[in-house]
C-alpha cells in the first residue's frame, strides 16, 4: 500500500468530540506533529473527515 505523511496544522480545541477522537486515532494530537500512515480506505476516510485540520503529502 502507498503511504501518506499527515501533519496536523490546526488545533483541536473547540472541535466536536468525534473530530478530536479521529485526530487521536490517526496518531496526532499536537500541532506540527507528523505521522506516516498506510493509505487504506479506512484511513482515507478519517483523513477526509478532519482534512480542514491536516496537511497531507505523499510519502
N, C-alpha and C. Protein backbone atom coordinates (compact mmCIF):
# COMPACT_ATOMS: atom_id res chain seq x y z
N UNK A 1 0.84 -1.19 0.00
CA UNK A 1 0.00 0.00 0.00
C UNK A 1 0.88 1.25 0.00
N UNK A 2 0.33 2.29 -0.55
CA UNK A 2 1.02 3.58 -0.56
C UNK A 2 0.94 4.20 0.83
N UNK A 3 1.94 5.00 1.14
CA UNK A 3 1.94 5.69 2.43
C UNK A 3 1.75 7.18 2.20
N UNK A 4 1.16 7.83 3.20
CA UNK A 4 1.00 9.27 3.16
C UNK A 4 1.52 9.87 4.46
N UNK A 5 2.07 11.07 4.37
CA UNK A 5 2.51 11.81 5.55
C UNK A 5 1.40 12.78 5.92
N UNK A 6 0.94 12.69 7.16
CA UNK A 6 -0.15 13.53 7.63
C UNK A 6 0.40 14.42 8.74
N UNK A 7 0.22 15.73 8.60
CA UNK A 7 0.68 16.70 9.59
C UNK A 7 -0.51 17.50 10.09
N UNK A 8 -0.62 17.62 11.40
CA UNK A 8 -1.69 18.43 11.98
C UNK A 8 -1.26 19.89 11.93
N UNK A 9 -2.10 20.75 11.34
CA UNK A 9 -1.74 22.16 11.20
C UNK A 9 -2.65 23.08 12.00
N UNK A 10 -3.75 22.56 12.53
CA UNK A 10 -4.66 23.37 13.34
C UNK A 10 -4.99 22.64 14.62
N UNK A 11 -5.38 23.41 15.63
CA UNK A 11 -5.70 22.87 16.95
C UNK A 11 -7.04 22.14 16.95
N UNK A 12 -7.19 21.22 17.91
CA UNK A 12 -8.47 20.52 18.07
C UNK A 12 -9.30 21.14 19.19
N UNK A 13 -8.85 22.27 19.73
CA UNK A 13 -9.63 22.97 20.73
C UNK A 13 -10.92 23.48 20.09
N UNK A 14 -12.03 23.34 20.81
CA UNK A 14 -13.37 23.75 20.35
C UNK A 14 -13.82 23.00 19.11
N UNK A 15 -13.39 21.75 18.95
CA UNK A 15 -13.85 20.89 17.87
C UNK A 15 -14.78 19.84 18.47
N UNK A 16 -15.69 19.28 17.67
CA UNK A 16 -16.57 18.23 18.19
C UNK A 16 -15.78 17.01 18.65
N UNK A 17 -16.38 16.24 19.56
CA UNK A 17 -15.71 15.07 20.13
C UNK A 17 -15.29 14.07 19.06
N UNK A 18 -16.12 13.89 18.03
CA UNK A 18 -15.78 12.90 17.00
C UNK A 18 -14.54 13.33 16.21
N UNK A 19 -14.36 14.64 15.99
CA UNK A 19 -13.16 15.10 15.29
C UNK A 19 -11.93 14.95 16.16
N UNK A 20 -12.06 15.23 17.47
CA UNK A 20 -10.94 15.02 18.38
C UNK A 20 -10.53 13.55 18.40
N UNK A 21 -11.51 12.67 18.47
CA UNK A 21 -11.23 11.24 18.51
C UNK A 21 -10.57 10.77 17.22
N UNK A 22 -10.98 11.33 16.10
CA UNK A 22 -10.39 10.95 14.81
C UNK A 22 -8.93 11.37 14.74
N UNK A 23 -8.62 12.58 15.21
CA UNK A 23 -7.23 13.06 15.22
C UNK A 23 -6.37 12.13 16.08
N UNK A 24 -6.87 11.75 17.26
CA UNK A 24 -6.14 10.84 18.15
C UNK A 24 -5.95 9.48 17.48
N UNK A 25 -6.99 8.99 16.80
CA UNK A 25 -6.91 7.69 16.13
C UNK A 25 -5.88 7.68 15.01
N UNK A 26 -5.72 8.81 14.34
CA UNK A 26 -4.72 8.91 13.28
C UNK A 26 -3.31 8.88 13.88
N UNK A 27 -3.18 9.33 15.13
CA UNK A 27 -1.88 9.33 15.79
C UNK A 27 -1.33 10.71 16.00
N UNK A 28 -2.19 11.71 15.86
CA UNK A 28 -1.77 13.09 16.04
C UNK A 28 -2.28 13.60 17.38
N UNK A 29 -2.34 14.89 17.57
CA UNK A 29 -2.84 15.45 18.82
C UNK A 29 -2.22 16.79 19.15
N UNK A 30 -1.09 17.09 18.53
CA UNK A 30 -0.44 18.38 18.73
C UNK A 30 -0.13 18.99 17.37
N UNK A 31 -0.14 20.30 17.33
CA UNK A 31 0.14 21.00 16.08
C UNK A 31 1.58 20.69 15.65
N UNK A 32 1.77 20.51 14.36
CA UNK A 32 3.04 20.20 13.70
C UNK A 32 3.53 18.78 13.95
N UNK A 33 2.73 17.94 14.56
CA UNK A 33 3.11 16.53 14.69
C UNK A 33 2.81 15.84 13.36
N UNK A 34 3.73 15.00 12.91
CA UNK A 34 3.61 14.31 11.62
C UNK A 34 3.68 12.81 11.84
N UNK A 35 2.81 12.09 11.14
CA UNK A 35 2.85 10.63 11.14
C UNK A 35 2.79 10.14 9.70
N UNK A 36 3.33 8.97 9.49
CA UNK A 36 3.29 8.33 8.18
C UNK A 36 2.40 7.11 8.30
N UNK A 37 1.31 7.07 7.52
CA UNK A 37 0.32 6.00 7.63
C UNK A 37 0.06 5.38 6.27
N UNK A 38 -0.42 4.13 6.30
CA UNK A 38 -0.84 3.45 5.08
C UNK A 38 -2.09 4.13 4.53
N UNK A 39 -2.20 4.24 3.23
CA UNK A 39 -3.36 4.89 2.62
C UNK A 39 -4.44 3.85 2.34
N UNK A 40 -5.04 3.33 3.42
CA UNK A 40 -6.14 2.38 3.29
C UNK A 40 -7.45 3.15 3.15
N UNK A 41 -8.53 2.50 2.71
CA UNK A 41 -9.82 3.21 2.63
C UNK A 41 -10.28 3.75 3.99
N UNK A 42 -10.00 3.00 5.06
CA UNK A 42 -10.39 3.47 6.39
C UNK A 42 -9.63 4.72 6.78
N UNK A 43 -8.33 4.72 6.54
CA UNK A 43 -7.50 5.88 6.88
C UNK A 43 -7.87 7.07 6.00
N UNK A 44 -8.15 6.83 4.72
CA UNK A 44 -8.54 7.91 3.82
C UNK A 44 -9.83 8.57 4.30
N UNK A 45 -10.75 7.77 4.83
CA UNK A 45 -12.00 8.32 5.36
C UNK A 45 -11.77 9.18 6.59
N UNK A 46 -10.87 8.72 7.47
CA UNK A 46 -10.56 9.51 8.66
C UNK A 46 -9.89 10.82 8.28
N UNK A 47 -8.97 10.75 7.33
CA UNK A 47 -8.27 11.96 6.88
C UNK A 47 -9.26 12.93 6.24
N UNK A 48 -10.19 12.43 5.45
CA UNK A 48 -11.18 13.27 4.79
C UNK A 48 -12.08 13.97 5.82
N UNK A 49 -12.40 13.26 6.91
CA UNK A 49 -13.28 13.80 7.94
C UNK A 49 -12.69 15.02 8.64
N UNK A 50 -11.38 15.04 8.82
CA UNK A 50 -10.73 16.15 9.52
C UNK A 50 -9.70 16.84 8.61
N UNK A 51 -9.96 16.84 7.32
CA UNK A 51 -8.99 17.39 6.36
C UNK A 51 -8.73 18.88 6.58
N UNK A 52 -9.68 19.60 7.18
CA UNK A 52 -9.51 21.03 7.43
C UNK A 52 -8.49 21.29 8.54
N UNK A 53 -8.08 20.25 9.25
CA UNK A 53 -7.10 20.39 10.34
C UNK A 53 -5.73 19.84 9.94
N UNK A 54 -5.62 19.25 8.75
CA UNK A 54 -4.43 18.49 8.37
C UNK A 54 -3.80 18.99 7.10
N UNK A 55 -2.53 18.61 6.92
CA UNK A 55 -1.83 18.74 5.63
C UNK A 55 -1.40 17.33 5.26
N UNK A 56 -1.73 16.89 4.04
CA UNK A 56 -1.45 15.53 3.61
C UNK A 56 -0.49 15.57 2.42
N UNK A 57 0.56 14.73 2.48
CA UNK A 57 1.55 14.64 1.40
C UNK A 57 1.81 13.18 1.09
N UNK A 58 2.18 12.89 -0.14
CA UNK A 58 2.62 11.54 -0.50
C UNK A 58 3.96 11.26 0.17
N UNK A 59 4.12 10.04 0.67
CA UNK A 59 5.38 9.71 1.35
C UNK A 59 6.36 9.04 0.42
